[in-house]
Amino acid sequence: MEERHTEERVQVVRRGRRPSPGVALSRLAYAIVSIIIVILAFRFMLLLLGANPDATFVEFVYAISAPFIAPFEAVFPDTEMDRAVFEWNSLLAIAVYAVIAWGVGSLLMWALRSSSTEVVETVSDDGSVRHGETDRQ
């Protein structure tokens, strides 16, 4: 019986990084906290500009921002000038939520980091092609 020797040629088609769950989750965390920060910034500006608290939009912003400002309510006294209110606690809340977002995002990126991958194509002498991936840390 004659032994047939086939050679295979392997070539790297594409190198890249597999999408990491850490990237997706950190982007989600940043998006959620960004929405909270925008709501708190609206609250701060409406108070600073002396917006009418009976206006529907102003009531809405105050209502949805209340749970996010609650942990910071008694930290600093508000500075009032006529109808305008400089709410220091809103600025504190914005800063704290930004730091929390950065920390959570960094932690997720570190904990769920991805490995690099190579997409390889193996071509046999008979012309058949196989595709696959190899992982590298």
C-alpha atoms as a PDB file:
ATOM      1  CA  MET A   1       0.000   0.000   0.000  1.00  0.00           C
ATOM      2  CA  GLU A   2       1.393   3.326  -1.013  1.00  0.00           C
ATOM      3  CA  GLU A   3       1.458   6.002   1.591  1.00  0.00           C
ATOM      4  CA  ARG A   4       0.239   9.334   0.340  1.00  0.00           C
ATOM      5  CA  HIS A   5       1.686  12.390   1.989  1.00  0.00           C
ATOM      6  CA  THR A   6      -0.408  15.558   1.841  1.00  0.00           C
ATOM      7  CA  GLU A   7       0.927  18.918   2.783  1.00  0.00           C
ATOM      8  CA  GLU A   8      -1.159  21.651   4.241  1.00  0.00           C
ATOM      9  CA  ARG A   9      -0.428  25.315   4.041  1.00  0.00           C
ATOM     10  CA  VAL A  10      -1.623  27.494   6.922  1.00  0.00           C
ATOM     11  CA  GLN A  11      -1.941  31.218   6.603  1.00  0.00           C
ATOM     12  CA  VAL A  12      -3.236  33.834   9.006  1.00  0.00           C
ATOM     13  CA  VAL A  13      -6.141  35.584   7.384  1.00  0.00           C
ATOM     14  CA  ARG A  14      -7.016  38.114  10.061  1.00  0.00           C
ATOM     15  CA  ARG A  15      -5.754  39.077  13.483  1.00  0.00           C
ATOM     16  CA  GLY A  16      -8.035  40.843  15.870  1.00  0.00           C
ATOM     17  CA  ARG A  17      -9.667  40.965  19.219  1.00  0.00           C
ATOM     18  CA  ARG A  18     -12.800  39.141  20.053  1.00  0.00           C
ATOM     19  CA  PRO A  19     -15.451  41.538  21.399  1.00  0.00           C
ATOM     20  CA  SER A  20     -15.168  41.436  25.163  1.00  0.00           C
ATOM     21  CA  PRO A  21     -18.174  41.193  27.467  1.00  0.00           C
ATOM     22  CA  GLY A  22     -16.312  43.713  29.630  1.00  0.00           C
ATOM     23  CA  VAL A  23     -16.442  46.293  26.852  1.00  0.00           C
ATOM     24  CA  ALA A  24     -20.170  45.823  26.339  1.00  0.00           C
ATOM     25  CA  LEU A  25     -20.959  45.935  30.050  1.00  0.00           C
ATOM     26  CA  SER A  26     -18.738  48.953  30.702  1.00  0.00           C
ATOM     27  CA  ARG A  27     -20.387  50.807  27.806  1.00  0.00           C
ATOM     28  CA  LEU A  28     -23.774  49.970  29.299  1.00  0.00           C
ATOM     29  CA  ALA A  29     -22.650  51.262  32.710  1.00  0.00           C
ATOM     30  CA  TYR A  30     -21.330  54.485  31.134  1.00  0.00           C
ATOM     31  CA  ALA A  31     -24.582  54.949  29.205  1.00  0.00           C
ATOM     32  CA  ILE A  32     -26.766  54.510  32.292  1.00  0.00           C
ATOM     33  CA  VAL A  33     -24.667  56.846  34.423  1.00  0.00           C
ATOM     34  CA  SER A  34     -24.468  59.392  31.586  1.00  0.00           C
ATOM     35  CA  ILE A  35     -28.267  59.549  31.502  1.00  0.00           C
ATOM     36  CA  ILE A  36     -28.334  60.064  35.291  1.00  0.00           C
ATOM     37  CA  ILE A  37     -25.729  62.828  35.026  1.00  0.00           C
ATOM     38  CA  VAL A  38     -27.682  64.605  32.272  1.00  0.00           C
ATOM     39  CA  ILE A  39     -30.849  64.476  34.400  1.00  0.00           C
ATOM     40  CA  LEU A  40     -28.952  65.905  37.383  1.00  0.00           C
ATOM     41  CA  ALA A  41     -27.419  68.621  35.188  1.00  0.00           C
ATOM     42  CA  PHE A  42     -30.912  69.597  33.994  1.00  0.00           C
ATOM     43  CA  ARG A  43     -32.039  69.759  37.626  1.00  0.00           C
ATOM     44  CA  PHE A  44     -29.055  71.936  38.545  1.00  0.00           C
ATOM     45  CA  MET A  45     -29.651  74.348  35.648  1.00  0.00           C
ATOM     46  CA  LEU A  46     -33.407  74.599  36.245  1.00  0.00           C
ATOM     47  CA  LEU A  47     -32.827  75.445  39.903  1.00  0.00           C
ATOM     48  CA  LEU A  48     -30.022  77.866  39.080  1.00  0.00           C
ATOM     49  CA  LEU A  49     -32.121  79.713  36.513  1.00  0.00           C
ATOM     50  CA  GLY A  50     -35.132  79.885  38.841  1.00  0.00           C
ATOM     51  CA  ALA A  51     -37.433  77.799  36.654  1.00  0.00           C
ATOM     52  CA  ASN A  52     -41.120  77.715  37.573  1.00  0.00           C
ATOM     53  CA  PRO A  53     -41.541  74.554  39.717  1.00  0.00           C
ATOM     54  CA  ASP A  54     -45.183  74.292  38.591  1.00  0.00           C
ATOM     55  CA  ALA A  55     -44.217  73.836  34.927  1.00  0.00           C
ATOM     56  CA  THR A  56     -44.777  70.259  33.721  1.00  0.00           C
ATOM     57  CA  PHE A  57     -41.249  69.767  32.389  1.00  0.00           C
ATOM     58  CA  VAL A  58     -39.670  71.142  35.568  1.00  0.00           C
ATOM     59  CA  GLU A  59     -41.873  68.897  37.735  1.00  0.00           C
ATOM     60  CA  PHE A  60     -40.876  65.933  35.568  1.00  0.00           C
ATOM     61  CA  VAL A  61     -37.131  66.659  35.886  1.00  0.00           C
ATOM     62  CA  TYR A  62     -37.395  67.155  39.655  1.00  0.00           C
ATOM     63  CA  ALA A  63     -39.400  63.921  40.032  1.00  0.00           C
ATOM     64  CA  ILE A  64     -37.022  61.704  38.059  1.00  0.00           C
ATOM     65  CA  SER A  65     -33.920  63.251  39.620  1.00  0.00           C
ATOM     66  CA  ALA A  66     -35.185  62.905  43.205  1.00  0.00           C
ATOM     67  CA  PRO A  67     -34.004  59.299  43.772  1.00  0.00           C
ATOM     68  CA  PHE A  68     -30.528  60.127  42.432  1.00  0.00           C
ATOM     69  CA  ILE A  69     -30.090  63.277  44.514  1.00  0.00           C
ATOM     70  CA  ALA A  70     -31.571  61.773  47.712  1.00  0.00           C
ATOM     71  CA  PRO A  71     -28.301  60.328  49.124  1.00  0.00           C
ATOM     72  CA  PHE A  72     -26.678  63.780  48.818  1.00  0.00           C
ATOM     73  CA  GLU A  73     -29.515  66.056  49.997  1.00  0.00           C
ATOM     74  CA  ALA A  74     -28.186  67.134  53.374  1.00  0.00           C
ATOM     75  CA  VAL A  75     -24.484  67.327  52.558  1.00  0.00           C
ATOM     76  CA  PHE A  76     -24.320  71.056  51.715  1.00  0.00           C
ATOM     77  CA  PRO A  77     -26.813  73.877  52.233  1.00  0.00           C
ATOM     78  CA  ASP A  78     -28.326  75.395  49.085  1.00  0.00           C
ATOM     79  CA  THR A  79     -27.343  78.933  48.169  1.00  0.00           C
ATOM     80  CA  GLU A  80     -30.468  80.965  47.321  1.00  0.00           C
ATOM     81  CA  MET A  81     -30.561  84.220  45.346  1.00  0.00           C
ATOM     82  CA  ASP A  82     -34.108  85.471  44.746  1.00  0.00           C
ATOM     83  CA  ARG A  83     -35.775  82.571  42.865  1.00  0.00           C
ATOM     84  CA  ALA A  84     -32.474  81.025  41.773  1.00  0.00           C
ATOM     85  CA  VAL A  85     -30.980  78.205  43.822  1.00  0.00           C
ATOM     86  CA  PHE A  86     -27.383  77.019  43.562  1.00  0.00           C
ATOM     87  CA  GLU A  87     -27.734  73.395  44.622  1.00  0.00           C
ATOM     88  CA  TRP A  88     -24.275  72.190  45.633  1.00  0.00           C
ATOM     89  CA  ASN A  89     -25.608  68.692  46.234  1.00  0.00           C
ATOM     90  CA  SER A  90     -26.436  68.274  42.533  1.00  0.00           C
ATOM     91  CA  LEU A  91     -22.816  69.027  41.645  1.00  0.00           C
ATOM     92  CA  LEU A  92     -21.621  66.580  44.293  1.00  0.00           C
ATOM     93  CA  ALA A  93     -23.977  63.890  42.955  1.00  0.00           C
ATOM     94  CA  ILE A  94     -22.751  64.466  39.382  1.00  0.00           C
ATOM     95  CA  ALA A  95     -19.124  64.098  40.512  1.00  0.00           C
ATOM     96  CA  VAL A  96     -19.795  60.975  42.587  1.00  0.00           C
ATOM     97  CA  TYR A  97     -21.788  59.246  39.826  1.00  0.00           C
ATOM     98  CA  ALA A  98     -19.021  60.069  37.310  1.00  0.00           C
ATOM     99  CA  VAL A  99     -16.385  58.521  39.573  1.00  0.00           C
ATOM    100  CA  ILE A 100     -18.583  55.460  40.161  1.00  0.00           C
ATOM    101  CA  ALA A 101     -19.067  55.034  36.392  1.00  0.00           C
ATOM    102  CA  TRP A 102     -15.336  55.274  35.797  1.00  0.00           C
ATOM    103  CA  GLY A 103     -14.620  52.739  38.548  1.00  0.00           C
ATOM    104  CA  VAL A 104     -17.263  50.240  37.488  1.00  0.00           C
ATOM    105  CA  GLY A 105     -16.287  50.589  33.822  1.00  0.00           C
ATOM    106  CA  SER A 106     -12.596  50.065  34.587  1.00  0.00           C
ATOM    107  CA  LEU A 107     -13.336  47.099  36.817  1.00  0.00           C
ATOM    108  CA  LEU A 108     -15.501  45.448  34.164  1.00  0.00           C
ATOM    109  CA  MET A 109     -12.891  46.054  31.464  1.00  0.00           C
ATOM    110  CA  TRP A 110     -10.189  44.520  33.672  1.00  0.00           C
ATOM    111  CA  ALA A 111     -12.221  41.584  34.971  1.00  0.00           C
ATOM    112  CA  LEU A 112     -13.724  40.609  31.628  1.00  0.00           C
ATOM    113  CA  ARG A 113     -10.856  41.414  29.289  1.00  0.00           C
ATOM    114  CA  SER A 114     -10.608  39.431  26.073  1.00  0.00           C
ATOM    115  CA  SER A 115      -7.836  37.467  24.483  1.00  0.00           C
ATOM    116  CA  SER A 116      -6.525  38.187  21.020  1.00  0.00           C
ATOM    117  CA  THR A 117      -7.482  35.799  18.255  1.00  0.00           C
ATOM    118  CA  GLU A 118      -6.149  34.787  14.899  1.00  0.00           C
ATOM    119  CA  VAL A 119      -8.440  33.581  12.154  1.00  0.00           C
ATOM    120  CA  VAL A 120      -6.510  30.966  10.224  1.00  0.00           C
ATOM    121  CA  GLU A 121      -7.176  29.378   6.872  1.00  0.00           C
ATOM    122  CA  THR A 122      -5.780  25.905   6.206  1.00  0.00           C
ATOM    123  CA  VAL A 123      -5.445  24.969   2.548  1.00  0.00           C
ATOM    124  CA  SER A 124      -4.729  21.325   1.628  1.00  0.00           C
ATOM    125  CA  ASP A 125      -2.984  20.171  -1.527  1.00  0.00           C
ATOM    126  CA  ASP A 126      -6.311  18.978  -2.868  1.00  0.00           C
ATOM    127  CA  GLY A 127      -7.656  22.559  -2.629  1.00  0.00           C
ATOM    128  CA  SER A 128      -9.974  22.108   0.341  1.00  0.00           C
ATOM    129  CA  VAL A 129     -10.074  25.041   2.767  1.00  0.00           C
ATOM    130  CA  ARG A 130     -10.754  24.934   6.514  1.00  0.00           C
ATOM    131  CA  HIS A 131     -11.234  28.005   8.702  1.00  0.00           C
ATOM    132  CA  GLY A 132     -10.645  28.264  12.429  1.00  0.00           C
ATOM    133  CA  GLU A 133      -9.545  30.515  15.273  1.00  0.00           C
ATOM    134  CA  THR A 134      -6.659  30.278  17.667  1.00  0.00           C
ATOM    135  CA  ASP A 135      -6.657  32.070  21.008  1.00  0.00           C
ATOM    136  CA  ARG A 136      -3.703  33.897  22.479  1.00  0.00           C
ATOM    137  CA  GLN A 137      -3.588  35.556  25.894  1.00  0.00           C
END
